[in-house]
Amino acid sequence: MLKAIGVVLLSLIVVSALSGCNTVRGFGQDIRHVGGAIERGAS
């Protein structure tokens, strides 16, 4: 029973970490697009 709980917790941690990476990558892309828009507006 304890091993099953450990597997479930580990799975939740892995899924959370993977979804967090996608969120950070998406945030980085948004910042890059904003930077490109600012550069186009400034020139």
Protein backbone atom coordinates (compact mmCIF):
# COMPACT_ATOMS: atom_id res chain seq x y z
CA MET A 1 0.00 0.00 0.00
CA LEU A 2 2.80 2.42 0.89
CA LYS A 3 4.56 1.65 -2.39
CA ALA A 4 1.38 2.45 -4.35
CA ILE A 5 1.04 5.82 -2.60
CA GLY A 6 4.67 6.58 -3.41
CA VAL A 7 4.14 5.75 -7.08
CA VAL A 8 1.07 7.99 -7.23
CA LEU A 9 2.90 10.88 -5.56
CA LEU A 10 5.89 10.49 -7.85
CA SER A 11 3.60 10.44 -10.88
CA LEU A 12 1.91 13.64 -9.74
CA ILE A 13 5.26 15.35 -9.25
CA VAL A 14 6.46 14.31 -12.72
CA VAL A 15 3.24 15.47 -14.38
CA SER A 16 3.40 18.79 -12.53
CA ALA A 17 7.01 19.34 -13.57
CA LEU A 18 6.26 18.58 -17.21
CA SER A 19 3.26 20.89 -17.32
CA GLY A 20 5.33 23.60 -15.62
CA CYS A 21 7.97 23.33 -18.33
CA ASN A 22 5.33 23.83 -21.00
CA THR A 23 4.00 26.87 -19.16
CA VAL A 24 7.46 28.43 -18.85
CA ARG A 25 8.18 27.77 -22.52
CA GLY A 26 4.88 29.39 -23.52
CA PHE A 27 5.62 32.37 -21.30
CA GLY A 28 9.03 32.75 -22.95
CA GLN A 29 7.44 32.71 -26.39
CA ASP A 30 4.96 35.38 -25.31
CA ILE A 31 7.79 37.59 -24.05
CA ARG A 32 9.67 37.11 -27.32
CA HIS A 33 6.59 38.14 -29.33
CA VAL A 34 6.13 41.24 -27.17
CA GLY A 35 9.79 42.12 -27.68
CA GLY A 36 9.41 41.74 -31.45
CA ALA A 37 6.34 43.99 -31.43
CA ILE A 38 8.24 46.63 -29.44
CA GLU A 39 11.16 46.49 -31.89
CA ARG A 40 8.82 46.88 -34.87
CA GLY A 41 7.09 49.82 -33.18
CA ALA A 42 10.37 51.53 -32.30
CA SER A 43 11.85 51.39 -35.79
